[in-house]
């Protein structure tokens, strides 16, 4: 997966100040993940400042089940809410979740700026250290 197909940029709306009132359209990205077999390991989002100013958003990651009803919590498998927010624009940060015997099937990955604040952030996803392409090559 080439870097041009790996990294995407999220620019938070900066219109809210506390969860869960974030803007689901502007502050969240969603991806389909198809697992062909039972999977254990780590799903992670690696992120870095998107404009070099040191004001990047703090990203979080969640995995939802087949129903993908993310606002109800009933399909939530795992999520990470960690405070990874270095002001150094050159510092790459990682937020991750541990997958434990997740059965084969279709899942929804949710990447979001928890508070909907901060500057642009570039990020990429990995499953067990392998880049997941988010754009068509």
N, C-alpha and C. Protein backbone atom coordinates (compact mmCIF):
# COMPACT_ATOMS: atom_id res chain seq x y z
N UNK A 1 0.85 -1.17 0.00
CA UNK A 1 0.00 0.00 0.00
C UNK A 1 0.90 1.24 0.00
N UNK A 2 0.86 1.99 -1.07
CA UNK A 2 1.68 3.21 -1.18
C UNK A 2 1.16 4.28 -0.23
N UNK A 3 2.07 5.13 0.25
CA UNK A 3 1.67 6.19 1.19
C UNK A 3 0.54 7.05 0.64
N UNK A 4 0.52 7.27 -0.68
CA UNK A 4 -0.54 8.10 -1.27
C UNK A 4 -1.91 7.46 -1.09
N UNK A 5 -1.96 6.15 -0.94
CA UNK A 5 -3.22 5.44 -0.74
C UNK A 5 -3.47 5.09 0.72
N UNK A 6 -2.47 5.34 1.56
CA UNK A 6 -2.55 4.96 2.97
C UNK A 6 -3.03 6.09 3.86
N UNK A 7 -2.50 7.28 3.66
CA UNK A 7 -2.83 8.40 4.54
C UNK A 7 -4.04 9.18 4.05
N UNK A 8 -4.89 9.56 4.98
CA UNK A 8 -6.00 10.47 4.69
C UNK A 8 -5.97 11.57 5.74
N UNK A 9 -6.65 12.66 5.48
CA UNK A 9 -6.66 13.78 6.42
C UNK A 9 -8.07 14.01 6.94
N UNK A 10 -8.17 14.20 8.24
CA UNK A 10 -9.43 14.56 8.89
C UNK A 10 -9.25 15.95 9.47
N UNK A 11 -10.15 16.85 9.17
CA UNK A 11 -10.12 18.20 9.73
C UNK A 11 -11.36 18.38 10.59
N UNK A 12 -11.20 18.39 11.92
CA UNK A 12 -12.35 18.50 12.83
C UNK A 12 -13.13 19.79 12.63
N UNK A 13 -14.40 19.73 13.00
CA UNK A 13 -15.29 20.88 12.84
C UNK A 13 -15.01 22.00 13.83
N UNK A 14 -14.41 21.67 14.97
CA UNK A 14 -14.15 22.64 16.03
C UNK A 14 -15.42 23.32 16.51
N UNK A 15 -16.55 22.64 16.34
CA UNK A 15 -17.83 23.25 16.70
C UNK A 15 -18.41 22.73 18.01
N UNK A 16 -17.74 21.79 18.63
CA UNK A 16 -18.25 21.21 19.87
C UNK A 16 -17.14 21.15 20.90
N UNK A 17 -17.52 20.94 22.15
CA UNK A 17 -16.50 20.92 23.18
C UNK A 17 -16.52 19.68 24.05
N UNK A 18 -17.51 18.82 23.89
CA UNK A 18 -17.53 17.63 24.73
C UNK A 18 -18.25 16.48 24.03
N UNK A 19 -17.78 15.25 24.29
CA UNK A 19 -18.45 14.09 23.70
C UNK A 19 -19.75 13.84 24.43
N UNK A 20 -20.70 13.15 23.89
CA UNK A 20 -20.68 12.58 22.53
C UNK A 20 -21.29 13.52 21.50
N UNK A 21 -21.17 14.80 21.70
CA UNK A 21 -21.82 15.78 20.83
C UNK A 21 -21.03 16.11 19.58
N UNK A 22 -20.06 15.28 19.22
CA UNK A 22 -19.27 15.58 18.04
C UNK A 22 -20.12 15.48 16.78
N UNK A 23 -19.66 16.11 15.74
CA UNK A 23 -20.34 16.12 14.45
C UNK A 23 -19.99 14.82 13.71
N UNK A 24 -20.94 13.91 13.59
CA UNK A 24 -20.64 12.61 13.00
C UNK A 24 -20.28 12.71 11.52
N UNK A 25 -20.65 13.77 10.86
CA UNK A 25 -20.31 13.93 9.46
C UNK A 25 -18.89 14.46 9.28
N UNK A 26 -18.50 15.46 10.06
CA UNK A 26 -17.20 16.09 9.87
C UNK A 26 -16.11 15.57 10.80
N UNK A 27 -16.46 15.02 11.94
CA UNK A 27 -15.45 14.62 12.92
C UNK A 27 -15.20 13.11 12.96
N UNK A 28 -15.86 12.35 12.09
CA UNK A 28 -15.73 10.90 12.09
C UNK A 28 -15.51 10.38 10.68
N UNK A 29 -14.66 9.37 10.55
CA UNK A 29 -14.51 8.64 9.29
C UNK A 29 -14.85 7.19 9.58
N UNK A 30 -15.42 6.51 8.59
CA UNK A 30 -15.84 5.12 8.75
C UNK A 30 -15.29 4.28 7.61
N UNK A 31 -14.90 3.04 7.94
CA UNK A 31 -14.33 2.13 6.95
C UNK A 31 -14.91 0.74 7.14
N UNK A 32 -15.06 0.06 6.04
CA UNK A 32 -15.49 -1.34 6.05
C UNK A 32 -14.25 -2.21 6.24
N UNK A 33 -14.33 -3.18 7.12
CA UNK A 33 -13.26 -4.15 7.33
C UNK A 33 -13.85 -5.53 7.19
N UNK A 34 -13.32 -6.31 6.25
CA UNK A 34 -13.77 -7.69 6.08
C UNK A 34 -12.68 -8.61 6.58
N UNK A 35 -13.03 -9.42 7.57
CA UNK A 35 -12.11 -10.42 8.10
C UNK A 35 -12.49 -11.77 7.50
N UNK A 36 -11.52 -12.42 6.87
CA UNK A 36 -11.79 -13.70 6.22
C UNK A 36 -11.68 -14.88 7.17
N UNK A 37 -11.10 -14.64 8.34
CA UNK A 37 -10.99 -15.70 9.34
C UNK A 37 -10.98 -15.06 10.73
N UNK A 38 -11.13 -15.87 11.75
CA UNK A 38 -11.08 -15.36 13.13
C UNK A 38 -9.75 -14.64 13.32
N UNK A 39 -9.81 -13.45 13.89
CA UNK A 39 -8.63 -12.60 13.99
C UNK A 39 -8.40 -12.11 15.41
N UNK A 40 -7.15 -12.20 15.83
CA UNK A 40 -6.70 -11.61 17.09
C UNK A 40 -5.53 -10.70 16.76
N UNK A 41 -5.28 -9.73 17.61
CA UNK A 41 -4.14 -8.84 17.39
C UNK A 41 -4.49 -7.40 17.67
N UNK A 42 -3.90 -6.50 16.89
CA UNK A 42 -4.03 -5.07 17.15
C UNK A 42 -4.51 -4.32 15.91
N UNK A 43 -5.54 -3.53 16.10
CA UNK A 43 -6.02 -2.60 15.08
C UNK A 43 -5.61 -1.21 15.56
N UNK A 44 -4.88 -0.47 14.73
CA UNK A 44 -4.36 0.81 15.21
C UNK A 44 -4.53 1.92 14.18
N UNK A 45 -4.57 3.13 14.71
CA UNK A 45 -4.57 4.34 13.89
C UNK A 45 -3.31 5.11 14.26
N UNK A 46 -2.48 5.41 13.25
CA UNK A 46 -1.27 6.18 13.44
C UNK A 46 -1.54 7.56 12.87
N UNK A 47 -1.27 8.61 13.66
CA UNK A 47 -1.61 9.94 13.17
C UNK A 47 -0.53 10.96 13.47
N UNK A 48 -0.50 11.99 12.61
CA UNK A 48 0.49 13.05 12.72
C UNK A 48 -0.17 14.37 12.31
N UNK A 49 0.40 15.45 12.75
CA UNK A 49 -0.12 16.79 12.43
C UNK A 49 -0.29 16.94 10.92
N UNK A 50 -1.43 17.45 10.51
CA UNK A 50 -1.73 17.57 9.09
C UNK A 50 -1.29 18.87 8.45
N UNK A 51 -0.94 19.87 9.26
CA UNK A 51 -0.55 21.16 8.66
C UNK A 51 0.70 21.76 9.30
N UNK A 52 1.39 21.01 10.17
CA UNK A 52 2.65 21.46 10.73
C UNK A 52 2.57 22.51 11.81
N UNK A 53 1.38 22.77 12.36
CA UNK A 53 1.25 23.83 13.36
C UNK A 53 1.28 23.33 14.80
N UNK A 54 1.22 22.02 15.01
CA UNK A 54 1.22 21.48 16.36
C UNK A 54 -0.14 21.51 17.03
N UNK A 55 -1.20 21.63 16.25
CA UNK A 55 -2.54 21.70 16.83
C UNK A 55 -3.43 20.54 16.37
N UNK A 56 -2.81 19.42 16.05
CA UNK A 56 -3.60 18.30 15.51
C UNK A 56 -4.65 17.81 16.49
N UNK A 57 -5.71 17.25 15.92
CA UNK A 57 -6.76 16.63 16.73
C UNK A 57 -6.23 15.34 17.34
N UNK A 58 -6.82 14.93 18.44
CA UNK A 58 -6.50 13.66 19.08
C UNK A 58 -7.49 12.63 18.55
N UNK A 59 -7.00 11.67 17.77
CA UNK A 59 -7.89 10.68 17.17
C UNK A 59 -8.10 9.47 18.07
N UNK A 60 -9.24 8.86 17.91
CA UNK A 60 -9.62 7.64 18.63
C UNK A 60 -10.05 6.60 17.60
N UNK A 61 -10.14 5.35 18.04
CA UNK A 61 -10.51 4.26 17.13
C UNK A 61 -11.52 3.34 17.82
N UNK A 62 -12.46 2.83 17.02
CA UNK A 62 -13.45 1.88 17.53
C UNK A 62 -13.76 0.87 16.44
N UNK A 63 -14.15 -0.33 16.86
CA UNK A 63 -14.57 -1.37 15.93
C UNK A 63 -15.99 -1.78 16.30
N UNK A 64 -16.87 -1.74 15.30
CA UNK A 64 -18.27 -2.09 15.49
C UNK A 64 -18.59 -3.35 14.71
N UNK A 65 -19.56 -4.10 15.20
CA UNK A 65 -19.95 -5.36 14.58
C UNK A 65 -20.78 -5.21 13.33
N UNK A 66 -21.25 -6.33 12.87
CA UNK A 66 -21.96 -6.45 11.61
C UNK A 66 -23.13 -5.47 11.47
N UNK A 67 -23.86 -5.20 12.52
CA UNK A 67 -25.00 -4.29 12.44
C UNK A 67 -24.61 -2.84 12.30
N UNK A 68 -23.43 -2.50 12.78
CA UNK A 68 -22.87 -1.15 12.66
C UNK A 68 -23.79 -0.06 13.17
N UNK A 69 -24.50 -0.33 14.24
CA UNK A 69 -25.35 0.70 14.85
C UNK A 69 -24.52 1.43 15.89
N UNK A 70 -23.58 2.26 15.42
CA UNK A 70 -22.59 2.85 16.30
C UNK A 70 -23.16 3.79 17.34
N UNK A 71 -24.30 4.38 17.12
CA UNK A 71 -24.83 5.32 18.10
C UNK A 71 -25.54 4.61 19.26
N UNK A 72 -25.84 3.33 19.14
CA UNK A 72 -26.51 2.62 20.23
C UNK A 72 -25.54 1.93 21.16
N UNK A 73 -24.35 1.63 20.68
CA UNK A 73 -23.39 0.92 21.50
C UNK A 73 -23.59 -0.58 21.51
N UNK A 74 -24.72 -1.06 21.00
CA UNK A 74 -25.00 -2.49 21.02
C UNK A 74 -24.05 -3.29 20.14
N UNK A 75 -23.54 -2.69 19.09
CA UNK A 75 -22.65 -3.39 18.18
C UNK A 75 -21.18 -3.06 18.42
N UNK A 76 -20.89 -2.26 19.43
CA UNK A 76 -19.52 -1.89 19.72
C UNK A 76 -18.76 -3.12 20.22
N UNK A 77 -17.66 -3.44 19.55
CA UNK A 77 -16.83 -4.57 19.96
C UNK A 77 -15.73 -4.07 20.89
N UNK A 78 -15.04 -3.01 20.48
CA UNK A 78 -13.95 -2.46 21.29
C UNK A 78 -13.68 -1.03 20.82
N UNK A 79 -13.24 -0.19 21.75
CA UNK A 79 -12.83 1.17 21.38
C UNK A 79 -11.73 1.63 22.31
N UNK A 80 -11.00 2.61 21.85
CA UNK A 80 -9.94 3.20 22.65
C UNK A 80 -10.18 4.69 22.73
N UNK A 81 -10.18 5.20 23.93
CA UNK A 81 -10.27 6.64 24.17
C UNK A 81 -9.02 6.99 24.96
N UNK A 82 -7.96 7.36 24.24
CA UNK A 82 -6.69 7.67 24.89
C UNK A 82 -6.32 9.11 24.58
N UNK A 83 -5.65 9.76 25.52
CA UNK A 83 -5.21 11.13 25.29
C UNK A 83 -3.80 11.10 24.72
N UNK A 84 -3.71 11.10 23.40
CA UNK A 84 -2.43 11.11 22.69
C UNK A 84 -2.33 12.41 21.93
N UNK A 85 -1.91 13.45 22.57
CA UNK A 85 -1.95 14.73 21.88
C UNK A 85 -0.71 15.56 22.13
N UNK A 86 0.39 15.16 21.49
CA UNK A 86 1.63 15.92 21.57
C UNK A 86 1.48 17.20 20.75
N UNK A 87 2.05 18.28 21.25
CA UNK A 87 2.00 19.54 20.49
C UNK A 87 3.12 19.61 19.45
N UNK A 88 4.00 18.60 19.42
CA UNK A 88 5.08 18.57 18.44
C UNK A 88 4.53 18.06 17.11
N UNK A 89 4.54 18.90 16.06
CA UNK A 89 3.96 18.49 14.79
C UNK A 89 4.69 17.34 14.11
N UNK A 90 5.90 17.03 14.57
CA UNK A 90 6.67 15.94 13.96
C UNK A 90 6.49 14.61 14.67
N UNK A 91 5.80 14.61 15.79
CA UNK A 91 5.60 13.38 16.56
C UNK A 91 4.42 12.61 16.00
N UNK A 92 4.69 11.37 15.61
CA UNK A 92 3.63 10.47 15.16
C UNK A 92 3.07 9.76 16.38
N UNK A 93 1.76 9.66 16.47
CA UNK A 93 1.13 9.03 17.63
C UNK A 93 0.26 7.87 17.19
N UNK A 94 0.02 6.94 18.11
CA UNK A 94 -0.75 5.74 17.79
C UNK A 94 -1.81 5.52 18.85
N UNK A 95 -3.00 5.20 18.40
CA UNK A 95 -4.08 4.75 19.29
C UNK A 95 -4.48 3.38 18.76
N UNK A 96 -4.70 2.42 19.65
CA UNK A 96 -4.97 1.07 19.17
C UNK A 96 -5.97 0.35 20.07
N UNK A 97 -6.54 -0.70 19.49
CA UNK A 97 -7.44 -1.59 20.23
C UNK A 97 -6.95 -3.02 20.01
N UNK A 98 -7.21 -3.85 21.00
CA UNK A 98 -6.83 -5.25 20.92
C UNK A 98 -8.02 -6.08 20.48
N UNK A 99 -7.81 -6.87 19.45
CA UNK A 99 -8.84 -7.77 18.95
C UNK A 99 -8.58 -9.16 19.53
N UNK A 100 -9.60 -9.75 20.10
CA UNK A 100 -9.45 -11.06 20.71
C UNK A 100 -10.44 -12.04 20.09
N UNK A 101 -9.94 -12.87 19.20
CA UNK A 101 -10.75 -13.90 18.52
C UNK A 101 -12.02 -13.32 17.91
N UNK A 102 -11.86 -12.26 17.13
CA UNK A 102 -13.00 -11.66 16.42
C UNK A 102 -13.32 -12.56 15.23
N UNK A 103 -14.56 -13.06 15.14
CA UNK A 103 -14.90 -14.01 14.08
C UNK A 103 -14.85 -13.38 12.68
N UNK A 104 -14.70 -14.23 11.68
CA UNK A 104 -14.76 -13.77 10.29
C UNK A 104 -16.07 -13.03 10.07
N UNK A 105 -16.03 -12.00 9.24
CA UNK A 105 -17.24 -11.24 8.97
C UNK A 105 -16.94 -9.83 8.56
N UNK A 106 -17.98 -9.02 8.48
CA UNK A 106 -17.88 -7.62 8.09
C UNK A 106 -18.00 -6.72 9.31
N UNK A 107 -17.12 -5.72 9.37
CA UNK A 107 -17.07 -4.84 10.52
C UNK A 107 -16.95 -3.39 10.07
N UNK A 108 -17.21 -2.48 10.99
CA UNK A 108 -17.12 -1.05 10.73
C UNK A 108 -16.03 -0.47 11.64
N UNK A 109 -15.02 0.14 11.01
CA UNK A 109 -13.99 0.86 11.77
C UNK A 109 -14.42 2.31 11.84
N UNK A 110 -14.36 2.87 13.03
CA UNK A 110 -14.71 4.28 13.25
C UNK A 110 -13.47 5.01 13.74
N UNK A 111 -13.06 6.05 13.03
CA UNK A 111 -11.96 6.92 13.44
C UNK A 111 -12.60 8.27 13.74
N UNK A 112 -12.29 8.83 14.90
CA UNK A 112 -12.95 10.08 15.24
C UNK A 112 -12.11 10.96 16.15
N UNK A 113 -12.39 12.25 16.02
CA UNK A 113 -11.83 13.26 16.92
C UNK A 113 -12.81 13.37 18.08
N UNK A 114 -12.42 12.89 19.23
CA UNK A 114 -13.35 12.74 20.36
C UNK A 114 -14.04 14.04 20.72
N UNK A 115 -13.31 15.11 20.76
CA UNK A 115 -13.91 16.39 21.13
C UNK A 115 -14.26 17.26 19.93
N UNK A 116 -13.94 16.80 18.73
CA UNK A 116 -14.24 17.59 17.54
C UNK A 116 -13.40 18.85 17.44
N UNK A 117 -12.26 18.86 18.13
CA UNK A 117 -11.41 20.04 18.12
C UNK A 117 -10.01 19.69 17.67
N UNK A 118 -9.23 20.72 17.39
CA UNK A 118 -7.86 20.54 16.95
C UNK A 118 -7.74 20.82 15.47
N UNK A 119 -6.51 20.82 15.01
CA UNK A 119 -6.26 21.09 13.60
C UNK A 119 -6.29 19.81 12.78
N UNK A 120 -6.01 19.95 11.49
CA UNK A 120 -6.01 18.79 10.60
C UNK A 120 -5.03 17.73 11.07
N UNK A 121 -5.40 16.49 10.84
CA UNK A 121 -4.55 15.37 11.24
C UNK A 121 -4.52 14.35 10.09
N UNK A 122 -3.31 13.88 9.77
CA UNK A 122 -3.15 12.83 8.76
C UNK A 122 -3.05 11.51 9.49
N UNK A 123 -3.72 10.50 8.96
CA UNK A 123 -3.67 9.22 9.66
C UNK A 123 -3.74 8.04 8.70
N UNK A 124 -3.36 6.90 9.22
CA UNK A 124 -3.45 5.64 8.49
C UNK A 124 -3.80 4.53 9.46
N UNK A 125 -4.36 3.45 8.93
CA UNK A 125 -4.79 2.31 9.74
C UNK A 125 -3.88 1.12 9.51
N UNK A 126 -3.69 0.32 10.57
CA UNK A 126 -2.93 -0.92 10.46
C UNK A 126 -3.66 -2.03 11.21
N UNK A 127 -3.58 -3.23 10.68
CA UNK A 127 -4.08 -4.42 11.35
C UNK A 127 -2.90 -5.34 11.52
N UNK A 128 -2.53 -5.59 12.78
CA UNK A 128 -1.36 -6.40 13.11
C UNK A 128 -0.11 -5.91 12.37
N UNK A 129 0.05 -4.58 12.33
CA UNK A 129 1.23 -3.97 11.75
C UNK A 129 1.22 -3.83 10.24
N UNK A 130 0.19 -4.33 9.57
CA UNK A 130 0.09 -4.26 8.11
C UNK A 130 -0.82 -3.09 7.73
N UNK A 131 -0.34 -2.23 6.83
CA UNK A 131 -1.13 -1.08 6.40
C UNK A 131 -2.42 -1.52 5.73
N UNK A 132 -3.51 -0.84 6.08
CA UNK A 132 -4.79 -1.04 5.41
C UNK A 132 -5.00 0.14 4.48
N UNK A 133 -5.10 -0.11 3.19
CA UNK A 133 -5.30 0.98 2.23
C UNK A 133 -6.71 1.53 2.38
N UNK A 134 -6.82 2.84 2.41
CA UNK A 134 -8.11 3.49 2.60
C UNK A 134 -8.62 4.13 1.33
N UNK A 135 -7.77 4.22 0.32
CA UNK A 135 -8.17 4.81 -0.96
C UNK A 135 -7.89 3.79 -2.05
N UNK A 136 -8.66 3.86 -3.13
CA UNK A 136 -8.38 2.98 -4.27
C UNK A 136 -7.05 3.37 -4.87
N UNK A 137 -6.22 2.39 -5.22
CA UNK A 137 -4.90 2.72 -5.82
C UNK A 137 -5.03 3.40 -7.16
